[in-house]
């Protein structure tokens, strides 16, 4: 009996006509004819060959289509392929093994974590919603999971937080052998869908960067490298002053990671005298934003005097200049940008317009605070009555348009200092991705343990997503969209009384993802036994 054999090899898919026969009581095969590589034929050519074979037996190719095909289910297979590839890439099986050896678990928390990571990348939602989505994937879970096991997995992540962060950091260093010469630090707030505070708990009300002052929150301090790879993070109570987190974060970074001498880059909001003293005493070099307005008047006048400025090599002097001096033991580089000056003037004019509206109809607006638009208003001596615009303050503010100061303890060139400070936007990109793509907030957990477990899971998901960005050169949204469209439809054939799987067509971004990660995707059509073998863990 002859049949068509499809053979998958590294070089391609080969088609052979095989004869099956029995000899000496055993079934044997021999090749009658080799049709070559499937990739050498166009779809039309394959269809013509099939039609010719059907003609020879007096049947039509359309007879094979029963007309009773129904889609029984649809699954995403992309996340199973991608998550499991990254699982191996970051050597997470060894980490899971170490954690599991030290404790006995009666459920497969490793598979649940892979599922939660897929959900966090795909459609971030509450853990209850994730529990209800488990049947939307193929290849991630071998069996149905219980909701309480999802929460217990978060508890495991919380208790193993330091070990997980250290493993991911060491794994990246061993994989890429890159020198960590610069770390960027910034802080954001993560709010909860609750306004209820609990004494001594992480969830507290405080200054919200998300504009959610009525909600409880936690403060998240994040350290990243120049490629947006997260190095580490720390979680603080929601009422913690953001500048007060930096010393703690740097101490823990030094204690937990074997990090070479680095330059810390941070915005001016992170730096107070205590932070600067700590870095000086511990030999940590820094490049931080500094406020020209907060410096002494003599120093101010020198920094904003354009006669003291000079052009930076390769940049138009009319658009960008700089000067530098030493002040209180630190080197200050002050730059002037014509583009930034226009932006500063525009921002101030918006505040002046707001102040004028308030002065014209004070009863229409709530009390204006003496910052923002209120700082450009002149008040009565008792401070209770707004009189008019304060032209002196407006003129004084305009003197600083376009000027930006940086403090540094390094001996880097001015161009290097400016370049590294410019890269601070990488941590801003990281926060943006954590909030918009990973949707780390709002959080729906109440206990500190679950809050920390949720953040560990989001940290792992972002680490994986950022690696995919670097590997594929695609944007975060493009990556998620490509994986989301990697789907299999389970088709029931009413005539043949069986089912097969039809894979969705692959687009350009999916092809990039497959090539860069060296993924092996299912064929266009697949019987059930092939799918079982393909996704068997």
Protein backbone atom coordinates (compact mmCIF):
# COMPACT_ATOMS: atom_id res chain seq x y z
CA UNK A 1 0.00 0.00 0.00
CA UNK A 2 1.36 3.40 -0.98
CA UNK A 3 0.99 6.62 1.02
CA UNK A 4 2.45 10.16 1.17
CA UNK A 5 5.01 10.78 3.90
CA UNK A 6 5.84 14.29 5.12
CA UNK A 7 9.29 14.54 6.68
CA UNK A 8 10.32 17.63 8.69
CA UNK A 9 14.04 18.42 8.54
CA UNK A 10 16.14 21.47 9.38
CA UNK A 11 16.52 22.23 5.68
CA UNK A 12 12.78 22.05 4.96
CA UNK A 13 9.71 19.82 4.58
CA UNK A 14 10.17 16.83 2.23
CA UNK A 15 7.43 14.86 0.44
CA UNK A 16 7.91 11.18 -0.43
CA UNK A 17 5.60 8.49 -1.84
CA UNK A 18 6.22 5.44 0.32
CA UNK A 19 5.16 1.82 -0.23
CA UNK A 20 4.35 -0.30 2.80
CA UNK A 21 4.85 -4.03 2.54
CA UNK A 22 5.46 -7.06 4.73
CA UNK A 23 8.58 -9.24 4.55
CA UNK A 24 9.54 -11.99 6.93
CA UNK A 25 6.50 -11.14 9.03
CA UNK A 26 7.57 -7.51 9.48
CA UNK A 27 6.20 -4.26 8.04
CA UNK A 28 8.75 -2.44 5.89
CA UNK A 29 8.79 0.71 3.78
CA UNK A 30 10.50 1.76 0.58
CA UNK A 31 10.51 5.05 -1.28
CA UNK A 32 8.73 4.86 -4.64
CA UNK A 33 9.29 8.49 -5.53
CA UNK A 34 10.64 11.63 -3.90
CA UNK A 35 8.68 14.80 -4.65
CA UNK A 36 11.39 17.05 -3.17
CA UNK A 37 10.87 20.00 -0.84
CA UNK A 38 7.40 21.31 -0.16
CA UNK A 39 8.83 24.86 -0.12
CA UNK A 40 9.81 24.45 -3.81
CA UNK A 41 6.14 24.27 -4.83
CA UNK A 42 3.65 27.11 -4.89
CA UNK A 43 0.20 26.52 -3.34
CA UNK A 44 -1.31 26.49 -6.85
CA UNK A 45 1.10 23.78 -7.97
CA UNK A 46 0.23 21.61 -4.97
CA UNK A 47 -3.46 22.08 -5.70
CA UNK A 48 -3.02 21.07 -9.38
CA UNK A 49 -1.13 17.91 -8.36
CA UNK A 50 -3.90 17.00 -5.91
CA UNK A 51 -6.59 17.66 -8.51
CA UNK A 52 -4.78 15.49 -11.08
CA UNK A 53 -4.59 12.60 -8.63
CA UNK A 54 -8.32 12.96 -7.88
CA UNK A 55 -9.08 13.03 -11.63
CA UNK A 56 -7.30 9.69 -12.04
CA UNK A 57 -9.76 8.05 -9.65
CA UNK A 58 -12.76 9.83 -11.08
CA UNK A 59 -13.37 12.19 -8.17
CA UNK A 60 -13.29 15.93 -7.68
CA UNK A 61 -11.00 17.71 -5.19
CA UNK A 62 -14.05 19.46 -3.75
CA UNK A 63 -15.35 16.05 -2.64
CA UNK A 64 -12.73 16.19 0.12
CA UNK A 65 -14.45 19.23 1.59
CA UNK A 66 -17.49 17.87 3.32
CA UNK A 67 -19.31 21.17 3.66
CA UNK A 68 -19.80 20.25 7.31
CA UNK A 69 -16.72 21.92 8.79
CA UNK A 70 -17.22 23.83 12.02
CA UNK A 71 -14.83 25.72 14.25
CA UNK A 72 -15.10 23.93 17.58
CA UNK A 73 -12.61 26.11 19.46
CA UNK A 74 -9.82 28.61 19.01
CA UNK A 75 -6.58 28.74 20.99
CA UNK A 76 -3.50 30.89 21.22
CA UNK A 77 -0.33 28.83 20.75
CA UNK A 78 2.10 31.77 20.48
CA UNK A 79 2.45 32.45 24.18
CA UNK A 80 3.30 28.83 24.91
CA UNK A 81 6.10 28.92 22.34
CA UNK A 82 7.47 32.32 23.37
CA UNK A 83 7.19 31.96 27.17
CA UNK A 84 8.74 28.47 27.14
CA UNK A 85 11.58 29.67 24.90
CA UNK A 86 12.30 32.57 27.28
CA UNK A 87 11.87 30.25 30.25
CA UNK A 88 14.83 28.26 28.96
CA UNK A 89 16.75 31.32 27.78
CA UNK A 90 16.76 32.83 31.29
CA UNK A 91 17.54 29.42 32.84
CA UNK A 92 14.40 29.55 34.94
CA UNK A 93 14.12 25.73 35.24
CA UNK A 94 17.22 25.78 37.48
CA UNK A 95 15.73 28.57 39.62
CA UNK A 96 12.42 26.70 39.94
CA UNK A 97 14.32 23.54 40.87
CA UNK A 98 16.23 25.33 43.65
CA UNK A 99 13.05 26.85 45.05
CA UNK A 100 11.14 23.58 44.84
CA UNK A 101 13.92 21.59 46.54
CA UNK A 102 13.71 23.80 49.61
CA UNK A 103 9.93 23.48 49.92
CA UNK A 104 7.27 20.92 49.03
CA UNK A 105 4.46 22.03 46.73
CA UNK A 106 1.40 19.95 45.95
CA UNK A 107 0.65 21.91 42.75
CA UNK A 108 2.58 22.87 39.61
CA UNK A 109 3.36 26.50 40.45
CA UNK A 110 5.91 26.70 37.62
CA UNK A 111 3.24 26.12 34.94
CA UNK A 112 0.90 28.53 36.71
CA UNK A 113 3.62 31.20 36.67
CA UNK A 114 4.15 30.69 32.92
CA UNK A 115 0.41 31.09 32.43
CA UNK A 116 0.34 34.28 34.55
CA UNK A 117 3.27 35.72 32.56
CA UNK A 118 1.39 35.01 29.32
CA UNK A 119 -1.71 36.72 30.72
CA UNK A 120 0.34 39.72 31.87
CA UNK A 121 1.75 40.19 28.37
CA UNK A 122 -1.43 39.33 26.51
CA UNK A 123 -4.37 40.85 28.38
CA UNK A 124 -3.41 42.13 31.85
CA UNK A 125 -6.31 41.79 34.24
CA UNK A 126 -7.23 40.62 37.73
CA UNK A 127 -6.18 37.16 38.86
CA UNK A 128 -9.83 36.09 38.90
CA UNK A 129 -10.19 37.11 35.24
CA UNK A 130 -6.94 35.32 34.39
CA UNK A 131 -8.31 32.18 36.04
CA UNK A 132 -11.31 32.39 33.69
CA UNK A 133 -9.02 32.74 30.63
CA UNK A 134 -7.02 29.54 31.12
CA UNK A 135 -8.86 27.65 28.34
CA UNK A 136 -7.87 30.26 25.75
CA UNK A 137 -4.31 28.89 25.47
CA UNK A 138 -2.85 25.65 24.19
CA UNK A 139 0.47 24.31 25.42
CA UNK A 140 0.76 26.32 28.65
CA UNK A 141 -1.17 24.17 31.10
CA UNK A 142 -1.40 20.39 31.18
CA UNK A 143 -4.51 20.48 33.37
CA UNK A 144 -7.03 22.94 34.76
CA UNK A 145 -5.76 25.09 37.62
CA UNK A 146 -7.52 26.25 40.77
CA UNK A 147 -7.94 29.93 41.62
CA UNK A 148 -6.40 29.56 45.07
CA UNK A 149 -3.28 28.06 43.45
CA UNK A 150 -2.86 31.28 41.45
CA UNK A 151 -2.82 33.28 44.68
CA UNK A 152 -0.47 30.80 46.33
CA UNK A 153 1.89 31.21 43.36
CA UNK A 154 1.99 34.95 44.13
CA UNK A 155 2.87 34.06 47.72
CA UNK A 156 5.81 31.96 46.46
CA UNK A 157 7.02 34.84 44.28
CA UNK A 158 6.80 37.20 47.25
CA UNK A 159 8.85 34.95 49.52
CA UNK A 160 11.44 34.33 46.77
CA UNK A 161 11.59 37.96 45.57
CA UNK A 162 15.29 38.55 46.25
CA UNK A 163 16.35 35.20 44.76
CA UNK A 164 14.35 35.85 41.57
CA UNK A 165 15.75 39.37 41.10
CA UNK A 166 19.32 38.16 41.65
CA UNK A 167 18.88 35.20 39.28
CA UNK A 168 17.57 37.38 36.44
CA UNK A 169 20.35 39.92 36.93
CA UNK A 170 23.12 37.28 36.98
CA UNK A 171 21.60 35.47 34.02
CA UNK A 172 21.58 38.62 31.89
CA UNK A 173 25.21 39.32 32.79
CA UNK A 174 26.30 35.78 31.88
CA UNK A 175 24.33 35.83 28.62
CA UNK A 176 25.49 39.19 27.33
CA UNK A 177 28.80 39.67 29.21
CA UNK A 178 28.18 43.41 29.15
CA UNK A 179 29.77 45.81 31.60
CA UNK A 180 27.26 47.62 33.75
CA UNK A 181 28.74 51.10 33.75
CA UNK A 182 25.62 53.24 34.18
CA UNK A 183 22.43 52.69 36.18
CA UNK A 184 19.37 54.91 35.95
CA UNK A 185 17.11 55.41 38.96
CA UNK A 186 13.63 56.83 39.16
CA UNK A 187 10.47 56.45 41.21
CA UNK A 188 6.80 56.12 40.37
CA UNK A 189 3.59 55.39 42.26
CA UNK A 190 1.23 52.45 41.76
CA UNK A 191 -2.32 52.96 42.92
CA UNK A 192 -4.96 50.51 44.16
CA UNK A 193 -8.64 50.31 43.39
CA UNK A 194 -9.26 51.24 47.03
CA UNK A 195 -9.03 54.26 49.32
CA UNK A 196 -8.78 52.23 52.53
CA UNK A 197 -5.48 52.56 54.40
CA UNK A 198 -4.12 50.05 56.89
CA UNK A 199 -1.64 51.10 59.54
CA UNK A 200 1.98 50.02 58.85
CA UNK A 201 0.94 48.37 55.55
CA UNK A 202 2.43 49.18 52.15
CA UNK A 203 -0.87 50.63 50.92
CA UNK A 204 -0.97 54.26 52.02
CA UNK A 205 -2.15 57.57 50.60
CA UNK A 206 0.56 59.93 49.42
CA UNK A 207 1.65 62.17 46.59
CA UNK A 208 0.39 60.36 43.46
CA UNK A 209 2.21 60.62 40.14
CA UNK A 210 -0.86 59.07 38.53
CA UNK A 211 -3.16 61.85 39.72
CA UNK A 212 -5.00 59.44 42.04
CA UNK A 213 -4.65 61.35 45.31
CA UNK A 214 -7.84 59.79 46.69
CA UNK A 215 -6.49 56.24 46.19
CA UNK A 216 -4.04 54.27 48.29
CA UNK A 217 -0.73 53.48 46.61
CA UNK A 218 2.78 52.09 46.92
CA UNK A 219 6.01 53.74 45.77
CA UNK A 220 8.16 51.79 43.31
CA UNK A 221 11.86 52.65 42.88
CA UNK A 222 13.34 51.13 39.71
CA UNK A 223 16.96 50.70 38.60
CA UNK A 224 17.52 50.01 34.89
CA UNK A 225 20.51 49.89 32.58
CA UNK A 226 21.02 51.80 29.32
CA UNK A 227 19.07 49.14 27.37
CA UNK A 228 16.00 49.40 29.65
CA UNK A 229 16.84 46.06 31.26
CA UNK A 230 15.54 46.21 34.83
CA UNK A 231 18.38 45.65 37.30
CA UNK A 232 16.32 45.69 40.47
CA UNK A 233 13.49 47.48 42.23
CA UNK A 234 12.27 48.26 45.72
CA UNK A 235 8.74 48.75 47.00
CA UNK A 236 7.97 51.38 49.66
CA UNK A 237 4.94 52.56 51.56
CA UNK A 238 2.70 54.87 49.57
CA UNK A 239 3.47 57.92 51.73
CA UNK A 240 7.28 57.64 51.30
CA UNK A 241 9.14 60.72 50.02
CA UNK A 242 10.56 59.71 46.64
CA UNK A 243 13.97 61.27 47.24
CA UNK A 244 14.26 59.25 50.45
CA UNK A 245 14.15 55.96 48.56
CA UNK A 246 17.41 56.39 46.68
CA UNK A 247 19.87 55.62 49.48
CA UNK A 248 17.98 52.47 50.42
CA UNK A 249 17.79 51.30 46.79
CA UNK A 250 21.53 51.87 46.21
CA UNK A 251 22.49 50.14 49.47
CA UNK A 252 20.46 47.07 48.54
CA UNK A 253 21.86 47.09 45.01
CA UNK A 254 25.42 47.07 46.38
CA UNK A 255 24.65 44.39 48.98
CA UNK A 256 22.76 41.96 46.73
CA UNK A 257 24.53 42.25 43.38
CA UNK A 258 28.20 42.05 42.55
CA UNK A 259 28.17 45.25 40.53
CA UNK A 260 31.21 47.03 39.15
CA UNK A 261 31.81 50.70 39.80
CA UNK A 262 28.88 52.48 38.19
CA UNK A 263 27.61 55.97 37.54
CA UNK A 264 24.13 56.61 38.93
CA UNK A 265 21.97 58.85 36.74
CA UNK A 266 18.84 60.37 38.27
CA UNK A 267 16.54 63.36 37.99
CA UNK A 268 16.72 66.35 40.31
CA UNK A 269 13.71 65.14 42.33
CA UNK A 270 15.82 62.22 43.56
CA UNK A 271 18.65 64.29 44.95
CA UNK A 272 18.91 66.03 48.26
CA UNK A 273 22.01 66.66 50.35
CA UNK A 274 21.67 63.33 52.17
CA UNK A 275 21.66 61.41 48.88
CA UNK A 276 24.62 63.36 47.58
CA UNK A 277 26.57 62.78 50.80
CA UNK A 278 25.80 59.06 50.72
CA UNK A 279 27.12 58.68 47.19
CA UNK A 280 30.25 60.69 47.95
CA UNK A 281 30.97 58.67 51.11
CA UNK A 282 30.45 55.34 49.32
CA UNK A 283 32.45 56.17 46.20
CA UNK A 284 29.42 56.12 43.91
CA UNK A 285 29.77 58.47 40.97
CA UNK A 286 26.66 60.30 39.86
CA UNK A 287 25.14 62.49 37.19
CA UNK A 288 21.98 64.15 38.49
CA UNK A 289 19.73 66.99 37.55
CA UNK A 290 20.33 70.16 39.54
CA UNK A 291 18.16 73.22 39.93
CA UNK A 292 19.74 76.47 38.74
CA UNK A 293 17.08 78.40 40.64
CA UNK A 294 18.02 76.82 43.97
CA UNK A 295 21.72 77.74 43.73
CA UNK A 296 23.24 80.90 45.17
CA UNK A 297 22.64 84.12 43.23
CA UNK A 298 26.32 84.57 42.40
CA UNK A 299 26.51 81.07 40.93
CA UNK A 300 23.18 81.56 39.15
CA UNK A 301 24.38 84.69 37.40
CA UNK A 302 27.54 82.95 36.19
CA UNK A 303 25.65 79.91 34.89
CA UNK A 304 22.97 81.83 32.97
CA UNK A 305 25.34 84.45 31.56
CA UNK A 306 25.61 83.44 27.90
CA UNK A 307 28.95 85.23 27.70
CA UNK A 308 30.34 82.36 29.79
CA UNK A 309 28.91 79.72 27.47
CA UNK A 310 30.60 77.97 24.59
CA UNK A 311 29.47 75.66 21.85
CA UNK A 312 29.58 71.91 22.17
CA UNK A 313 31.50 70.22 19.39
CA UNK A 314 29.23 69.34 16.50
CA UNK A 315 26.24 71.37 17.72
CA UNK A 316 25.09 74.77 16.40
CA UNK A 317 26.14 77.42 18.95
CA UNK A 318 22.94 79.38 18.36
CA UNK A 319 20.88 76.35 19.42
CA UNK A 320 22.93 74.78 22.21
CA UNK A 321 25.75 76.00 24.50
CA UNK A 322 27.19 75.12 27.88
CA UNK A 323 29.36 76.30 30.73
CA UNK A 324 30.66 74.55 33.83
CA UNK A 325 32.11 75.37 37.24
CA UNK A 326 32.75 73.80 40.64
CA UNK A 327 30.34 74.57 43.46
CA UNK A 328 30.40 73.11 46.99
CA UNK A 329 32.60 70.25 45.94
CA UNK A 330 30.59 69.21 42.91
CA UNK A 331 31.06 69.89 39.24
CA UNK A 332 28.09 71.67 37.65
CA UNK A 333 27.45 71.65 33.91
CA UNK A 334 24.83 74.16 32.80
CA UNK A 335 23.47 73.98 29.26
CA UNK A 336 21.31 76.35 27.23
CA UNK A 337 18.94 75.09 24.55
CA UNK A 338 16.93 77.40 22.30
CA UNK A 339 14.36 74.64 21.86
CA UNK A 340 14.04 74.22 25.63
CA UNK A 341 13.74 78.02 26.03
CA UNK A 342 10.73 78.07 23.70
CA UNK A 343 9.17 75.21 25.65
CA UNK A 344 9.75 76.94 29.01
CA UNK A 345 8.22 80.18 27.72
CA UNK A 346 5.22 78.30 26.36
CA UNK A 347 4.66 76.47 29.66
CA UNK A 348 4.89 79.72 31.62
CA UNK A 349 2.43 81.47 29.29
CA UNK A 350 -0.11 78.70 29.94
CA UNK A 351 0.22 79.37 33.68
CA UNK A 352 -0.08 83.14 33.14
CA UNK A 353 -3.26 82.62 31.08
CA UNK A 354 -4.68 80.48 33.88
CA UNK A 355 -3.76 83.12 36.47
CA UNK A 356 -5.48 85.85 34.40
CA UNK A 357 -8.65 83.75 34.14
CA UNK A 358 -8.68 83.34 37.90
CA UNK A 359 -8.10 87.06 38.50
CA UNK A 360 -10.91 87.96 36.08
CA UNK A 361 -13.47 85.61 37.65
CA UNK A 362 -12.20 84.50 41.07
CA UNK A 363 -15.59 83.09 42.10
CA UNK A 364 -15.62 80.68 39.17
CA UNK A 365 -12.52 78.80 40.28
CA UNK A 366 -11.44 76.99 43.38
CA UNK A 367 -8.77 78.61 45.54
CA UNK A 368 -5.52 78.79 43.56
CA UNK A 369 -2.52 77.56 45.51
CA UNK A 370 0.61 79.70 45.61
CA UNK A 371 2.40 77.41 43.21
CA UNK A 372 1.78 76.70 39.56
CA UNK A 373 -0.32 79.57 38.19
CA UNK A 374 -0.62 81.01 41.71
CA UNK A 375 3.07 81.86 41.91
CA UNK A 376 2.59 84.53 39.22
CA UNK A 377 -0.11 86.35 41.21
CA UNK A 378 0.53 89.25 43.59
CA UNK A 379 -1.42 88.95 46.85
CA UNK A 380 -2.39 91.42 49.56
CA UNK A 381 -0.12 91.65 52.60
CA UNK A 382 -2.29 89.25 54.57
CA UNK A 383 -2.10 86.79 51.66
CA UNK A 384 -5.87 86.45 51.42
CA UNK A 385 -6.67 88.60 48.40
CA UNK A 386 -5.32 88.19 44.87
CA UNK A 387 -4.53 91.60 43.37
CA UNK A 388 -2.84 91.31 39.99
CA UNK A 389 -0.19 89.51 37.98
CA UNK A 390 3.24 89.63 39.60
CA UNK A 391 5.30 90.98 36.71
CA UNK A 392 8.52 90.88 38.70
CA UNK A 393 8.20 87.14 39.28
CA UNK A 394 7.29 86.56 35.64
CA UNK A 395 10.40 88.45 34.48
CA UNK A 396 12.57 86.66 37.05
CA UNK A 397 11.28 83.26 35.90
CA UNK A 398 11.93 84.12 32.25
CA UNK A 399 15.66 84.61 32.97
CA UNK A 400 16.02 80.83 33.36
CA UNK A 401 14.30 79.86 30.11
CA UNK A 402 16.34 77.24 28.26
CA UNK A 403 18.87 76.61 31.05
CA UNK A 404 19.39 73.17 32.59
CA UNK A 405 22.00 72.25 35.21
CA UNK A 406 23.56 68.86 35.94
CA UNK A 407 25.76 67.94 38.89
CA UNK A 408 28.36 65.22 38.57
CA UNK A 409 31.20 63.67 40.51
CA UNK A 410 32.67 62.07 37.37
CA UNK A 411 35.59 63.10 35.22
CA UNK A 412 33.68 62.38 32.04
CA UNK A 413 33.69 64.90 29.21
CA UNK A 414 30.78 67.30 28.96
CA UNK A 415 29.51 65.46 25.89
CA UNK A 416 29.60 62.12 27.73
CA UNK A 417 27.78 63.61 30.73
CA UNK A 418 25.01 65.03 28.57
CA UNK A 419 24.71 61.79 26.60
CA UNK A 420 24.32 59.65 29.73
CA UNK A 421 21.82 62.03 31.29
CA UNK A 422 19.82 62.04 28.06
CA UNK A 423 19.53 58.24 28.39
CA UNK A 424 17.58 58.74 31.61
CA UNK A 425 14.47 58.59 29.43
CA UNK A 426 15.05 54.81 29.25
CA UNK A 427 13.74 54.40 32.79
CA UNK A 428 10.77 56.55 31.84
CA UNK A 429 10.12 54.17 28.93
CA UNK A 430 10.31 51.28 31.38
CA UNK A 431 7.74 52.84 33.70
CA UNK A 432 5.52 53.60 30.72
CA UNK A 433 5.69 49.97 29.55
CA UNK A 434 5.07 48.65 33.06
CA UNK A 435 1.97 50.81 33.37
CA UNK A 436 0.53 50.71 29.84
CA UNK A 437 1.65 47.35 28.44
CA UNK A 438 2.12 45.22 31.56
CA UNK A 439 -0.60 47.20 33.42
CA UNK A 440 1.09 46.82 36.77
CA UNK A 441 -1.61 49.10 38.20
CA UNK A 442 -4.29 49.43 39.44
CA UNK A 443 -3.68 46.61 41.90
CA UNK A 444 -6.45 44.64 43.51
CA UNK A 445 -4.54 42.95 46.33
CA UNK A 446 -4.81 43.81 50.02
CA UNK A 447 -1.96 42.06 51.80
CA UNK A 448 1.70 43.07 51.53
CA UNK A 449 2.60 39.52 50.48
CA UNK A 450 0.21 39.50 47.51
CA UNK A 451 1.23 43.04 46.51
CA UNK A 452 4.89 42.02 46.41
CA UNK A 453 4.07 38.79 44.55
CA UNK A 454 2.16 40.76 41.91
CA UNK A 455 5.07 43.15 41.41
CA UNK A 456 7.58 40.26 41.12
CA UNK A 457 5.41 38.72 38.40
CA UNK A 458 5.17 42.05 36.54
CA UNK A 459 8.96 42.51 36.90
CA UNK A 460 9.54 39.09 35.28
CA UNK A 461 7.04 39.83 32.49
CA UNK A 462 8.71 43.17 31.70
CA UNK A 463 12.17 41.55 31.72
CA UNK A 464 10.95 39.07 29.09
CA UNK A 465 9.14 41.71 27.04
CA UNK A 466 12.17 43.98 26.96
CA UNK A 467 14.36 41.08 25.81
CA UNK A 468 11.90 40.47 22.96
CA UNK A 469 12.10 44.16 22.02
CA UNK A 470 15.88 44.02 21.82
CA UNK A 471 15.94 40.70 19.96
CA UNK A 472 13.33 41.62 17.33
CA UNK A 473 13.70 45.44 17.17
CA UNK A 474 9.89 45.59 17.33
CA UNK A 475 7.97 47.87 19.66
CA UNK A 476 6.23 46.46 22.75
CA UNK A 477 2.76 46.72 21.23
CA UNK A 478 3.87 45.12 17.95
CA UNK A 479 5.34 42.16 19.84
CA UNK A 480 2.19 41.52 21.87
CA UNK A 481 -0.03 41.88 18.80
CA UNK A 482 2.11 39.42 16.84
CA UNK A 483 2.00 36.78 19.60
CA UNK A 484 -1.71 37.34 20.17
CA UNK A 485 -2.46 36.52 16.51
CA UNK A 486 -0.58 33.20 16.64
CA UNK A 487 -3.72 31.10 16.85
CA UNK A 488 -4.96 27.59 16.11
CA UNK A 489 -8.57 26.83 15.19
CA UNK A 490 -9.88 23.39 16.11
CA UNK A 491 -12.04 22.34 13.13
CA UNK A 492 -14.58 19.55 13.41
CA UNK A 493 -15.23 17.63 10.17
CA UNK A 494 -18.79 16.33 10.36
CA UNK A 495 -18.32 14.02 7.38
CA UNK A 496 -15.09 12.40 8.58
CA UNK A 497 -16.24 12.54 12.23
CA UNK A 498 -12.88 13.85 13.43
CA UNK A 499 -11.09 17.09 14.18
CA UNK A 500 -7.98 18.82 12.93
CA UNK A 501 -6.24 22.12 13.71
CA UNK A 502 -5.91 24.99 11.25
CA UNK A 503 -3.12 27.49 11.94
CA UNK A 504 -3.72 31.17 11.23
CA UNK A 505 -1.56 32.73 8.50
CA UNK A 506 1.68 34.33 9.66
CA UNK A 507 2.38 38.03 9.08
CA UNK A 508 5.72 39.85 8.78
CA UNK A 509 6.17 40.61 12.49
CA UNK A 510 5.34 37.04 13.43
CA UNK A 511 7.96 35.82 10.96
CA UNK A 512 10.51 38.13 12.62
CA UNK A 513 9.60 36.75 16.04
CA UNK A 514 9.83 33.15 14.82
CA UNK A 515 13.19 33.72 13.17
CA UNK A 516 14.83 35.65 16.02
CA UNK A 517 13.65 33.24 18.71
CA UNK A 518 14.08 30.15 16.49
CA UNK A 519 10.54 29.01 17.19
CA UNK A 520 9.08 25.91 15.58
CA UNK A 521 5.45 26.61 14.69
CA UNK A 522 2.79 24.03 13.74
CA UNK A 523 2.02 23.26 10.09
CA UNK A 524 -0.91 24.89 8.31
CA UNK A 525 -3.11 21.90 9.21
CA UNK A 526 -2.45 19.38 11.99
CA UNK A 527 -4.20 16.25 13.26
CA UNK A 528 -4.93 15.94 16.96
CA UNK A 529 -2.05 13.53 17.65
CA UNK A 530 0.46 15.96 16.10
CA UNK A 531 -0.79 18.79 18.33
CA UNK A 532 -0.61 16.50 21.36
CA UNK A 533 3.04 15.71 20.60
CA UNK A 534 3.88 19.27 19.64
CA UNK A 535 2.79 20.85 22.92
CA UNK A 536 3.51 17.95 25.24
CA UNK A 537 5.53 19.20 28.21
